[in-house]
């Protein structure tokens, strides 16, 4: 069984939603993760904050991030165990972040350690 990273791409929700809506989205996300964990396929994950981020480019140019001219950025990730990329994609399809108009999920197989 391999490990896959499910990468959540979305705008900063705090700029488009009330604190109450953010709580609803968080509960939906925790329920989604709970469903994966119930199958013993959840490895870990973490949300990423939008504040105080920096982007470093070639020649060590540093700009305020996490993004400049794009509408979305990586808002978090979840690592799952799956038999195939297709199974990992099925997990990603259930992510509540996909309810958003400009949101997407990226699924990538993790390189083997050691």
PDB file of N, CA and C in Angstrom:
ATOM      1  N   UNK A   1       0.847  -1.167   0.000  1.00  0.00           N
ATOM      2  CA  UNK A   1       0.000   0.000   0.000  1.00  0.00           C
ATOM      3  C   UNK A   1       0.900   1.240   0.000  1.00  0.00           C
ATOM      4  N   UNK A   2       0.551   2.223  -0.800  1.00  0.00           N
ATOM      5  CA  UNK A   2       1.335   3.446  -0.921  1.00  0.00           C
ATOM      6  C   UNK A   2       0.678   4.585  -0.151  1.00  0.00           C
ATOM      7  N   UNK A   3       1.441   5.661   0.031  1.00  0.00           N
ATOM      8  CA  UNK A   3       0.906   6.862   0.652  1.00  0.00           C
ATOM      9  C   UNK A   3       0.760   7.949  -0.402  1.00  0.00           C
ATOM     10  N   UNK A   4      -0.357   8.673  -0.311  1.00  0.00           N
ATOM     11  CA  UNK A   4      -0.665   9.755  -1.240  1.00  0.00           C
ATOM     12  C   UNK A   4      -0.979  11.016  -0.463  1.00  0.00           C
ATOM     13  N   UNK A   5      -0.573  12.158  -1.010  1.00  0.00           N
ATOM     14  CA  UNK A   5      -0.909  13.441  -0.417  1.00  0.00           C
ATOM     15  C   UNK A   5      -2.075  14.035  -1.186  1.00  0.00           C
ATOM     16  N   UNK A   6      -3.135  14.378  -0.463  1.00  0.00           N
ATOM     17  CA  UNK A   6      -4.298  15.049  -1.042  1.00  0.00           C
ATOM     18  C   UNK A   6      -4.139  16.521  -0.699  1.00  0.00           C
ATOM     19  N   UNK A   7      -3.862  17.336  -1.690  1.00  0.00           N
ATOM     20  CA  UNK A   7      -3.531  18.739  -1.482  1.00  0.00           C
ATOM     21  C   UNK A   7      -4.755  19.599  -1.769  1.00  0.00           C
ATOM     22  N   UNK A   8      -5.149  20.401  -0.783  1.00  0.00           N
ATOM     23  CA  UNK A   8      -6.326  21.264  -0.910  1.00  0.00           C
ATOM     24  C   UNK A   8      -5.903  22.626  -1.449  1.00  0.00           C
ATOM     25  N   UNK A   9      -6.486  23.002  -2.573  1.00  0.00           N
ATOM     26  CA  UNK A   9      -6.192  24.309  -3.175  1.00  0.00           C
ATOM     27  C   UNK A   9      -7.454  25.152  -3.114  1.00  0.00           C
ATOM     28  N   UNK A  10      -7.357  26.290  -2.451  1.00  0.00           N
ATOM     29  CA  UNK A  10      -8.530  27.153  -2.318  1.00  0.00           C
ATOM     30  C   UNK A  10      -8.116  28.549  -1.892  1.00  0.00           C
ATOM     31  N   UNK A  11      -9.017  29.521  -2.077  1.00  0.00           N
ATOM     32  CA  UNK A  11      -8.729  30.872  -1.591  1.00  0.00           C
ATOM     33  C   UNK A  11      -8.805  30.901  -0.071  1.00  0.00           C
ATOM     34  N   UNK A  12      -8.357  31.969   0.518  1.00  0.00           N
ATOM     35  CA  UNK A  12      -8.434  32.176   1.968  1.00  0.00           C
ATOM     36  C   UNK A  12      -9.899  32.307   2.355  1.00  0.00           C
ATOM     37  N   UNK A  13     -10.454  31.269   2.969  1.00  0.00           N
ATOM     38  CA  UNK A  13     -11.864  31.256   3.322  1.00  0.00           C
ATOM     39  C   UNK A  13     -12.281  32.367   4.254  1.00  0.00           C
ATOM     40  N   UNK A  14     -11.367  32.845   5.108  1.00  0.00           N
ATOM     41  CA  UNK A  14     -11.723  33.892   6.064  1.00  0.00           C
ATOM     42  C   UNK A  14     -12.053  35.210   5.369  1.00  0.00           C
ATOM     43  N   UNK A  15     -11.663  35.348   4.113  1.00  0.00           N
ATOM     44  CA  UNK A  15     -11.965  36.579   3.370  1.00  0.00           C
ATOM     45  C   UNK A  15     -13.302  36.510   2.653  1.00  0.00           C
ATOM     46  N   UNK A  16     -13.909  35.298   2.587  1.00  0.00           N
ATOM     47  CA  UNK A  16     -15.160  35.160   1.840  1.00  0.00           C
ATOM     48  C   UNK A  16     -16.294  34.568   2.666  1.00  0.00           C
ATOM     49  N   UNK A  17     -15.999  34.216   3.933  1.00  0.00           N
ATOM     50  CA  UNK A  17     -17.024  33.535   4.736  1.00  0.00           C
ATOM     51  C   UNK A  17     -17.031  34.062   6.164  1.00  0.00           C
ATOM     52  N   UNK A  18     -18.168  33.915   6.801  1.00  0.00           N
ATOM     53  CA  UNK A  18     -18.319  34.309   8.196  1.00  0.00           C
ATOM     54  C   UNK A  18     -17.623  33.275   9.090  1.00  0.00           C
ATOM     55  N   UNK A  19     -17.349  33.648  10.333  1.00  0.00           N
ATOM     56  CA  UNK A  19     -16.780  32.664  11.260  1.00  0.00           C
ATOM     57  C   UNK A  19     -17.691  31.440  11.416  1.00  0.00           C
ATOM     58  N   UNK A  20     -18.992  31.644  11.367  1.00  0.00           N
ATOM     59  CA  UNK A  20     -19.929  30.525  11.464  1.00  0.00           C
ATOM     60  C   UNK A  20     -19.784  29.585  10.276  1.00  0.00           C
ATOM     61  N   UNK A  21     -19.656  30.136   9.069  1.00  0.00           N
ATOM     62  CA  UNK A  21     -19.475  29.298   7.882  1.00  0.00           C
ATOM     63  C   UNK A  21     -18.139  28.572   7.945  1.00  0.00           C
ATOM     64  N   UNK A  22     -17.122  29.236   8.453  1.00  0.00           N
ATOM     65  CA  UNK A  22     -15.815  28.589   8.595  1.00  0.00           C
ATOM     66  C   UNK A  22     -15.924  27.387   9.531  1.00  0.00           C
ATOM     67  N   UNK A  23     -16.701  27.514  10.608  1.00  0.00           N
ATOM     68  CA  UNK A  23     -16.905  26.404  11.540  1.00  0.00           C
ATOM     69  C   UNK A  23     -17.608  25.233  10.855  1.00  0.00           C
ATOM     70  N   UNK A  24     -18.598  25.542  10.025  1.00  0.00           N
ATOM     71  CA  UNK A  24     -19.311  24.492   9.277  1.00  0.00           C
ATOM     72  C   UNK A  24     -18.342  23.760   8.363  1.00  0.00           C
ATOM     73  N   UNK A  25     -17.523  24.513   7.633  1.00  0.00           N
ATOM     74  CA  UNK A  25     -16.546  23.896   6.729  1.00  0.00           C
ATOM     75  C   UNK A  25     -15.548  23.037   7.505  1.00  0.00           C
ATOM     76  N   UNK A  26     -15.124  23.527   8.672  1.00  0.00           N
ATOM     77  CA  UNK A  26     -14.166  22.765   9.475  1.00  0.00           C
ATOM     78  C   UNK A  26     -14.792  21.446   9.942  1.00  0.00           C
ATOM     79  N   UNK A  27     -16.031  21.471  10.379  1.00  0.00           N
ATOM     80  CA  UNK A  27     -16.707  20.242  10.808  1.00  0.00           C
ATOM     81  C   UNK A  27     -16.841  19.271   9.638  1.00  0.00           C
ATOM     82  N   UNK A  28     -17.222  19.782   8.465  1.00  0.00           N
ATOM     83  CA  UNK A  28     -17.333  18.920   7.292  1.00  0.00           C
ATOM     84  C   UNK A  28     -15.984  18.264   6.976  1.00  0.00           C
ATOM     85  N   UNK A  29     -14.921  19.038   7.094  1.00  0.00           N
ATOM     86  CA  UNK A  29     -13.588  18.506   6.806  1.00  0.00           C
ATOM     87  C   UNK A  29     -13.199  17.452   7.839  1.00  0.00           C
ATOM     88  N   UNK A  30     -13.482  17.708   9.110  1.00  0.00           N
ATOM     89  CA  UNK A  30     -13.161  16.733  10.146  1.00  0.00           C
ATOM     90  C   UNK A  30     -13.978  15.450   9.956  1.00  0.00           C
ATOM     91  N   UNK A  31     -15.241  15.574   9.542  1.00  0.00           N
ATOM     92  CA  UNK A  31     -16.063  14.389   9.256  1.00  0.00           C
ATOM     93  C   UNK A  31     -15.482  13.594   8.085  1.00  0.00           C
ATOM     94  N   UNK A  32     -15.018  14.311   7.046  1.00  0.00           N
ATOM     95  CA  UNK A  32     -14.403  13.665   5.882  1.00  0.00           C
ATOM     96  C   UNK A  32     -13.155  12.893   6.306  1.00  0.00           C
ATOM     97  N   UNK A  33     -12.299  13.532   7.099  1.00  0.00           N
ATOM     98  CA  UNK A  33     -11.085  12.877   7.596  1.00  0.00           C
ATOM     99  C   UNK A  33     -11.461  11.675   8.467  1.00  0.00           C
ATOM    100  N   UNK A  34     -12.502  11.837   9.294  1.00  0.00           N
ATOM    101  CA  UNK A  34     -12.954  10.738  10.141  1.00  0.00           C
ATOM    102  C   UNK A  34     -13.375   9.522   9.333  1.00  0.00           C
ATOM    103  N   UNK A  35     -13.999   9.755   8.181  1.00  0.00           N
ATOM    104  CA  UNK A  35     -14.401   8.654   7.309  1.00  0.00           C
ATOM    105  C   UNK A  35     -13.208   7.898   6.753  1.00  0.00           C
ATOM    106  N   UNK A  36     -12.148   8.628   6.433  1.00  0.00           N
ATOM    107  CA  UNK A  36     -10.922   7.980   5.938  1.00  0.00           C
ATOM    108  C   UNK A  36     -10.252   7.227   7.088  1.00  0.00           C
ATOM    109  N   UNK A  37     -10.209   7.855   8.268  1.00  0.00           N
ATOM    110  CA  UNK A  37      -9.590   7.227   9.440  1.00  0.00           C
ATOM    111  C   UNK A  37     -10.336   5.950   9.827  1.00  0.00           C
ATOM    112  N   UNK A  38     -11.654   5.940   9.675  1.00  0.00           N
ATOM    113  CA  UNK A  38     -12.455   4.756  10.010  1.00  0.00           C
ATOM    114  C   UNK A  38     -12.067   3.556   9.145  1.00  0.00           C
ATOM    115  N   UNK A  39     -11.475   3.825   7.984  1.00  0.00           N
ATOM    116  CA  UNK A  39     -11.014   2.757   7.091  1.00  0.00           C
ATOM    117  C   UNK A  39      -9.545   2.407   7.349  1.00  0.00           C
ATOM    118  N   UNK A  40      -8.981   3.052   8.391  1.00  0.00           N
ATOM    119  CA  UNK A  40      -7.578   2.868   8.753  1.00  0.00           C
ATOM    120  C   UNK A  40      -6.639   3.260   7.608  1.00  0.00           C
ATOM    121  N   UNK A  41      -7.001   4.337   6.896  1.00  0.00           N
ATOM    122  CA  UNK A  41      -6.182   4.773   5.763  1.00  0.00           C
ATOM    123  C   UNK A  41      -5.695   6.214   5.925  1.00  0.00           C
ATOM    124  N   UNK A  42      -6.017   6.832   7.053  1.00  0.00           N
ATOM    125  CA  UNK A  42      -5.561   8.200   7.327  1.00  0.00           C
ATOM    126  C   UNK A  42      -4.178   8.140   7.949  1.00  0.00           C
ATOM    127  N   UNK A  43      -3.232   8.880   7.378  1.00  0.00           N
ATOM    128  CA  UNK A  43      -1.871   8.921   7.894  1.00  0.00           C
ATOM    129  C   UNK A  43      -1.648  10.204   8.686  1.00  0.00           C
ATOM    130  N   UNK A  44      -2.122  11.326   8.174  1.00  0.00           N
ATOM    131  CA  UNK A  44      -1.928  12.607   8.847  1.00  0.00           C
ATOM    132  C   UNK A  44      -2.320  13.739   7.933  1.00  0.00           C
ATOM    133  N   UNK A  45      -2.142  14.939   8.420  1.00  0.00           N
ATOM    134  CA  UNK A  45      -2.451  16.108   7.610  1.00  0.00           C
ATOM    135  C   UNK A  45      -2.374  17.359   8.445  1.00  0.00           C
ATOM    136  N   UNK A  46      -2.510  18.488   7.778  1.00  0.00           N
ATOM    137  CA  UNK A  46      -2.395  19.764   8.469  1.00  0.00           C
ATOM    138  C   UNK A  46      -2.956  20.864   7.584  1.00  0.00           C
ATOM    139  N   UNK A  47      -3.629  21.809   8.202  1.00  0.00           N
ATOM    140  CA  UNK A  47      -4.017  23.014   7.493  1.00  0.00           C
ATOM    141  C   UNK A  47      -2.829  23.955   7.430  1.00  0.00           C
ATOM    142  N   UNK A  48      -2.812  24.795   6.447  1.00  0.00           N
ATOM    143  CA  UNK A  48      -1.743  25.780   6.311  1.00  0.00           C
ATOM    144  C   UNK A  48      -2.354  27.171   6.415  1.00  0.00           C
ATOM    145  N   UNK A  49      -1.738  28.027   7.227  1.00  0.00           N
ATOM    146  CA  UNK A  49      -2.248  29.381   7.415  1.00  0.00           C
ATOM    147  C   UNK A  49      -1.894  30.265   6.228  1.00  0.00           C
ATOM    148  N   UNK A  50      -2.730  31.245   5.989  1.00  0.00           N
ATOM    149  CA  UNK A  50      -2.507  32.176   4.891  1.00  0.00           C
ATOM    150  C   UNK A  50      -1.703  33.396   5.349  1.00  0.00           C
ATOM    151  N   UNK A  51      -1.707  33.667   6.644  1.00  0.00           N
ATOM    152  CA  UNK A  51      -0.999  34.840   7.173  1.00  0.00           C
ATOM    153  C   UNK A  51       0.494  34.563   7.310  1.00  0.00           C
ATOM    154  N   UNK A  52       1.275  35.613   7.181  1.00  0.00           N
ATOM    155  CA  UNK A  52       2.719  35.558   7.416  1.00  0.00           C
ATOM    156  C   UNK A  52       3.443  34.502   6.595  1.00  0.00           C
ATOM    157  N   UNK A  53       3.025  34.311   5.358  1.00  0.00           N
ATOM    158  CA  UNK A  53       3.712  33.381   4.464  1.00  0.00           C
ATOM    159  C   UNK A  53       4.645  34.165   3.548  1.00  0.00           C
ATOM    160  N   UNK A  54       5.642  33.513   3.039  1.00  0.00           N
ATOM    161  CA  UNK A  54       6.592  34.121   2.106  1.00  0.00           C
ATOM    162  C   UNK A  54       6.823  33.169   0.946  1.00  0.00           C
ATOM    163  N   UNK A  55       7.108  33.740  -0.211  1.00  0.00           N
ATOM    164  CA  UNK A  55       7.475  32.973  -1.393  1.00  0.00           C
ATOM    165  C   UNK A  55       8.896  33.374  -1.775  1.00  0.00           C
ATOM    166  N   UNK A  56       9.768  32.386  -1.907  1.00  0.00           N
ATOM    167  CA  UNK A  56      11.149  32.639  -2.288  1.00  0.00           C
ATOM    168  C   UNK A  56      11.337  32.090  -3.695  1.00  0.00           C
ATOM    169  N   UNK A  57      11.807  32.943  -4.586  1.00  0.00           N
ATOM    170  CA  UNK A  57      12.021  32.538  -5.965  1.00  0.00           C
ATOM    171  C   UNK A  57      13.518  32.563  -6.285  1.00  0.00           C
ATOM    172  N   UNK A  58      13.813  32.271  -7.506  1.00  0.00           N
ATOM    173  CA  UNK A  58      15.199  32.243  -7.970  1.00  0.00           C
ATOM    174  C   UNK A  58      15.910  33.540  -7.594  1.00  0.00           C
ATOM    175  N   UNK A  59      17.146  33.473  -7.325  1.00  0.00           N
ATOM    176  CA  UNK A  59      17.975  34.609  -6.925  1.00  0.00           C
ATOM    177  C   UNK A  59      17.549  35.144  -5.566  1.00  0.00           C
ATOM    178  N   UNK A  60      16.899  34.289  -4.778  1.00  0.00           N
ATOM    179  CA  UNK A  60      16.502  34.612  -3.411  1.00  0.00           C
ATOM    180  C   UNK A  60      15.621  35.846  -3.297  1.00  0.00           C
ATOM    181  N   UNK A  61      14.748  36.059  -4.266  1.00  0.00           N
ATOM    182  CA  UNK A  61      13.766  37.130  -4.189  1.00  0.00           C
ATOM    183  C   UNK A  61      12.639  36.646  -3.277  1.00  0.00           C
ATOM    184  N   UNK A  62      12.352  37.412  -2.231  1.00  0.00           N
ATOM    185  CA  UNK A  62      11.335  37.041  -1.251  1.00  0.00           C
ATOM    186  C   UNK A  62      10.163  38.000  -1.363  1.00  0.00           C
ATOM    187  N   UNK A  63       8.967  37.448  -1.500  1.00  0.00           N
ATOM    188  CA  UNK A  63       7.757  38.267  -1.537  1.00  0.00           C
ATOM    189  C   UNK A  63       6.774  37.746  -0.503  1.00  0.00           C
ATOM    190  N   UNK A  64       5.844  38.609  -0.119  1.00  0.00           N
ATOM    191  CA  UNK A  64       4.790  38.170   0.779  1.00  0.00           C
ATOM    192  C   UNK A  64       3.944  37.153   0.052  1.00  0.00           C
ATOM    193  N   UNK A  65       3.569  36.119   0.721  1.00  0.00           N
ATOM    194  CA  UNK A  65       2.791  35.062   0.096  1.00  0.00           C
ATOM    195  C   UNK A  65       1.524  34.856   0.873  1.00  0.00           C
ATOM    196  N   UNK A  66       0.884  33.754   0.647  1.00  0.00           N
ATOM    197  CA  UNK A  66       1.388  32.596  -0.064  1.00  0.00           C
ATOM    198  C   UNK A  66       1.242  32.676  -1.565  1.00  0.00           C
ATOM    199  N   UNK A  67       0.599  33.711  -2.085  1.00  0.00           N
ATOM    200  CA  UNK A  67       0.453  33.805  -3.527  1.00  0.00           C
ATOM    201  C   UNK A  67       0.426  35.269  -3.923  1.00  0.00           C
ATOM    202  N   UNK A  68       0.689  35.523  -5.175  1.00  0.00           N
ATOM    203  CA  UNK A  68       0.684  36.887  -5.666  1.00  0.00           C
ATOM    204  C   UNK A  68      -0.525  37.167  -6.522  1.00  0.00           C
ATOM    205  N   UNK A  69      -0.541  36.601  -7.711  1.00  0.00           N
ATOM    206  CA  UNK A  69      -1.575  36.949  -8.678  1.00  0.00           C
ATOM    207  C   UNK A  69      -2.526  35.794  -8.964  1.00  0.00           C
ATOM    208  N   UNK A  70      -2.591  34.813  -8.069  1.00  0.00           N
ATOM    209  CA  UNK A  70      -3.501  33.693  -8.282  1.00  0.00           C
ATOM    210  C   UNK A  70      -4.619  33.728  -7.256  1.00  0.00           C
ATOM    211  N   UNK A  71      -5.746  33.124  -7.579  1.00  0.00           N
ATOM    212  CA  UNK A  71      -6.910  33.163  -6.713  1.00  0.00           C
ATOM    213  C   UNK A  71      -6.890  32.062  -5.655  1.00  0.00           C
ATOM    214  N   UNK A  72      -6.022  31.093  -5.819  1.00  0.00           N
ATOM    215  CA  UNK A  72      -5.997  29.984  -4.873  1.00  0.00           C
ATOM    216  C   UNK A  72      -4.570  29.663  -4.485  1.00  0.00           C
ATOM    217  N   UNK A  73      -4.429  28.968  -3.378  1.00  0.00           N
ATOM    218  CA  UNK A  73      -3.134  28.469  -2.956  1.00  0.00           C
ATOM    219  C   UNK A  73      -3.360  27.203  -2.157  1.00  0.00           C
ATOM    220  N   UNK A  74      -2.314  26.584  -1.719  1.00  0.00           N
ATOM    221  CA  UNK A  74      -2.462  25.371  -0.920  1.00  0.00           C
ATOM    222  C   UNK A  74      -2.923  25.764   0.471  1.00  0.00           C
ATOM    223  N   UNK A  75      -4.083  25.248   0.856  1.00  0.00           N
ATOM    224  CA  UNK A  75      -4.648  25.574   2.161  1.00  0.00           C
ATOM    225  C   UNK A  75      -4.445  24.476   3.180  1.00  0.00           C
ATOM    226  N   UNK A  76      -3.995  23.315   2.748  1.00  0.00           N
ATOM    227  CA  UNK A  76      -3.758  22.208   3.651  1.00  0.00           C
ATOM    228  C   UNK A  76      -3.555  20.925   2.886  1.00  0.00           C
ATOM    229  N   UNK A  77      -3.270  19.878   3.617  1.00  0.00           N
ATOM    230  CA  UNK A  77      -3.052  18.587   2.971  1.00  0.00           C
ATOM    231  C   UNK A  77      -3.460  17.471   3.917  1.00  0.00           C
ATOM    232  N   UNK A  78      -3.744  16.336   3.329  1.00  0.00           N
ATOM    233  CA  UNK A  78      -4.053  15.120   4.060  1.00  0.00           C
ATOM    234  C   UNK A  78      -3.258  13.990   3.410  1.00  0.00           C
ATOM    235  N   UNK A  79      -2.644  13.163   4.224  1.00  0.00           N
ATOM    236  CA  UNK A  79      -1.899  12.013   3.704  1.00  0.00           C
ATOM    237  C   UNK A  79      -2.714  10.756   4.017  1.00  0.00           C
ATOM    238  N   UNK A  80      -2.923   9.946   2.984  1.00  0.00           N
ATOM    239  CA  UNK A  80      -3.709   8.720   3.121  1.00  0.00           C
ATOM    240  C   UNK A  80      -2.918   7.525   2.591  1.00  0.00           C
ATOM    241  N   UNK A  81      -3.289   6.347   3.069  1.00  0.00           N
ATOM    242  CA  UNK A  81      -2.784   5.100   2.508  1.00  0.00           C
ATOM    243  C   UNK A  81      -3.819   4.617   1.506  1.00  0.00           C
ATOM    244  N   UNK A  82      -3.366   4.183   0.348  1.00  0.00           N
ATOM    245  CA  UNK A  82      -4.306   3.708  -0.672  1.00  0.00           C
ATOM    246  C   UNK A  82      -3.631   2.630  -1.507  1.00  0.00           C
ATOM    247  N   UNK A  83      -4.461   1.752  -2.052  1.00  0.00           N
ATOM    248  CA  UNK A  83      -3.961   0.680  -2.920  1.00  0.00           C
ATOM    249  C   UNK A  83      -3.528   1.209  -4.282  1.00  0.00           C
ATOM    250  N   UNK A  84      -4.087   2.369  -4.684  1.00  0.00           N
ATOM    251  CA  UNK A  84      -3.798   2.912  -6.011  1.00  0.00           C
ATOM    252  C   UNK A  84      -4.099   4.405  -6.036  1.00  0.00           C
ATOM    253  N   UNK A  85      -3.641   5.073  -7.088  1.00  0.00           N
ATOM    254  CA  UNK A  85      -3.961   6.490  -7.276  1.00  0.00           C
ATOM    255  C   UNK A  85      -5.468   6.662  -7.412  1.00  0.00           C
ATOM    256  N   UNK A  86      -6.126   5.692  -8.021  1.00  0.00           N
ATOM    257  CA  UNK A  86      -7.584   5.782  -8.195  1.00  0.00           C
ATOM    258  C   UNK A  86      -8.297   5.801  -6.847  1.00  0.00           C
ATOM    259  N   UNK A  87      -7.841   4.980  -5.894  1.00  0.00           N
ATOM    260  CA  UNK A  87      -8.453   4.982  -4.568  1.00  0.00           C
ATOM    261  C   UNK A  87      -8.196   6.314  -3.865  1.00  0.00           C
ATOM    262  N   UNK A  88      -6.985   6.851  -4.003  1.00  0.00           N
ATOM    263  CA  UNK A  88      -6.667   8.153  -3.403  1.00  0.00           C
ATOM    264  C   UNK A  88      -7.529   9.258  -4.015  1.00  0.00           C
ATOM    265  N   UNK A  89      -7.761   9.195  -5.323  1.00  0.00           N
ATOM    266  CA  UNK A  89      -8.630  10.171  -6.001  1.00  0.00           C
ATOM    267  C   UNK A  89     -10.047  10.080  -5.442  1.00  0.00           C
ATOM    268  N   UNK A  90     -10.526   8.885  -5.175  1.00  0.00           N
ATOM    269  CA  UNK A  90     -11.869   8.731  -4.608  1.00  0.00           C
ATOM    270  C   UNK A  90     -11.952   9.392  -3.236  1.00  0.00           C
ATOM    271  N   UNK A  91     -10.902   9.263  -2.425  1.00  0.00           N
ATOM    272  CA  UNK A  91     -10.877   9.979  -1.149  1.00  0.00           C
ATOM    273  C   UNK A  91     -10.954  11.487  -1.397  1.00  0.00           C
ATOM    274  N   UNK A  92     -10.146  11.980  -2.333  1.00  0.00           N
ATOM    275  CA  UNK A  92     -10.103  13.420  -2.622  1.00  0.00           C
ATOM    276  C   UNK A  92     -11.448  13.943  -3.101  1.00  0.00           C
ATOM    277  N   UNK A  93     -12.164  13.155  -3.879  1.00  0.00           N
ATOM    278  CA  UNK A  93     -13.472  13.582  -4.390  1.00  0.00           C
ATOM    279  C   UNK A  93     -14.457  13.882  -3.268  1.00  0.00           C
ATOM    280  N   UNK A  94     -14.253  13.282  -2.097  1.00  0.00           N
ATOM    281  CA  UNK A  94     -15.156  13.505  -0.973  1.00  0.00           C
ATOM    282  C   UNK A  94     -14.815  14.717  -0.127  1.00  0.00           C
ATOM    283  N   UNK A  95     -13.726  15.410  -0.447  1.00  0.00           N
ATOM    284  CA  UNK A  95     -13.298  16.545   0.375  1.00  0.00           C
ATOM    285  C   UNK A  95     -14.267  17.716   0.248  1.00  0.00           C
ATOM    286  N   UNK A  96     -14.724  18.264   1.376  1.00  0.00           N
ATOM    287  CA  UNK A  96     -15.663  19.389   1.348  1.00  0.00           C
ATOM    288  C   UNK A  96     -15.102  20.639   0.670  1.00  0.00           C
ATOM    289  N   UNK A  97     -13.787  20.761   0.563  1.00  0.00           N
ATOM    290  CA  UNK A  97     -13.216  21.944  -0.075  1.00  0.00           C
ATOM    291  C   UNK A  97     -13.713  22.071  -1.520  1.00  0.00           C
ATOM    292  N   UNK A  98     -14.100  20.961  -2.127  1.00  0.00           N
ATOM    293  CA  UNK A  98     -14.552  20.984  -3.527  1.00  0.00           C
ATOM    294  C   UNK A  98     -15.905  21.664  -3.703  1.00  0.00           C
ATOM    295  N   UNK A  99     -16.563  22.039  -2.604  1.00  0.00           N
ATOM    296  CA  UNK A  99     -17.812  22.788  -2.700  1.00  0.00           C
ATOM    297  C   UNK A  99     -17.572  24.207  -3.214  1.00  0.00           C
ATOM    298  N   UNK A 100     -16.364  24.712  -3.041  1.00  0.00           N
ATOM    299  CA  UNK A 100     -16.045  26.083  -3.438  1.00  0.00           C
ATOM    300  C   UNK A 100     -15.832  26.216  -4.927  1.00  0.00           C
ATOM    301  N   UNK A 101     -16.251  27.331  -5.453  1.00  0.00           N
ATOM    302  CA  UNK A 101     -16.183  27.603  -6.894  1.00  0.00           C
ATOM    303  C   UNK A 101     -14.753  27.521  -7.443  1.00  0.00           C
ATOM    304  N   UNK A 102     -13.794  28.110  -6.744  1.00  0.00           N
ATOM    305  CA  UNK A 102     -12.420  28.174  -7.254  1.00  0.00           C
ATOM    306  C   UNK A 102     -11.508  27.183  -6.538  1.00  0.00           C
ATOM    307  N   UNK A 103     -12.063  26.064  -6.080  1.00  0.00           N
ATOM    308  CA  UNK A 103     -11.296  25.118  -5.279  1.00  0.00           C
ATOM    309  C   UNK A 103     -10.983  23.849  -6.057  1.00  0.00           C
ATOM    310  N   UNK A 104      -9.897  23.202  -5.668  1.00  0.00           N
ATOM    311  CA  UNK A 104      -9.526  21.949  -6.316  1.00  0.00           C
ATOM    312  C   UNK A 104      -8.707  21.107  -5.354  1.00  0.00           C
ATOM    313  N   UNK A 105      -8.526  19.866  -5.734  1.00  0.00           N
ATOM    314  CA  UNK A 105      -7.688  18.936  -4.982  1.00  0.00           C
ATOM    315  C   UNK A 105      -6.626  18.404  -5.937  1.00  0.00           C
ATOM    316  N   UNK A 106      -5.439  18.222  -5.412  1.00  0.00           N
ATOM    317  CA  UNK A 106      -4.359  17.603  -6.179  1.00  0.00           C
ATOM    318  C   UNK A 106      -3.965  16.339  -5.432  1.00  0.00           C
ATOM    319  N   UNK A 107      -3.771  15.243  -6.142  1.00  0.00           N
ATOM    320  CA  UNK A 107      -3.395  13.975  -5.535  1.00  0.00           C
ATOM    321  C   UNK A 107      -2.022  13.593  -6.065  1.00  0.00           C
ATOM    322  N   UNK A 108      -1.078  13.350  -5.119  1.00  0.00           N
ATOM    323  CA  UNK A 108       0.278  12.976  -5.532  1.00  0.00           C
ATOM    324  C   UNK A 108       0.801  11.854  -4.674  1.00  0.00           C
ATOM    325  N   UNK A 109       1.430  10.906  -5.313  1.00  0.00           N
ATOM    326  CA  UNK A 109       2.031   9.792  -4.588  1.00  0.00           C
ATOM    327  C   UNK A 109       3.293  10.301  -3.905  1.00  0.00           C
ATOM    328  N   UNK A 110       3.465   9.915  -2.640  1.00  0.00           N
ATOM    329  CA  UNK A 110       4.660  10.312  -1.907  1.00  0.00           C
ATOM    330  C   UNK A 110       5.829   9.404  -2.284  1.00  0.00           C
ATOM    331  N   UNK A 111       6.999  10.000  -2.370  1.00  0.00           N
ATOM    332  CA  UNK A 111       8.207   9.214  -2.636  1.00  0.00           C
ATOM    333  C   UNK A 111       8.466   8.315  -1.432  1.00  0.00           C
ATOM    334  N   UNK A 112       8.970   7.136  -1.698  1.00  0.00           N
ATOM    335  CA  UNK A 112       9.290   6.200  -0.618  1.00  0.00           C
ATOM    336  C   UNK A 112      10.461   6.748   0.201  1.00  0.00           C
ATOM    337  N   UNK A 113      10.355   6.562   1.515  1.00  0.00           N
ATOM    338  CA  UNK A 113      11.430   7.011   2.398  1.00  0.00           C
ATOM    339  C   UNK A 113      12.472   5.916   2.521  1.00  0.00           C
ATOM    340  N   UNK A 114      13.738   6.374   2.596  1.00  0.00           N
ATOM    341  CA  UNK A 114      14.849   5.473   2.854  1.00  0.00           C
ATOM    342  C   UNK A 114      14.941   4.407   1.882  1.00  0.00           C
TER     343      UNK A 114
END
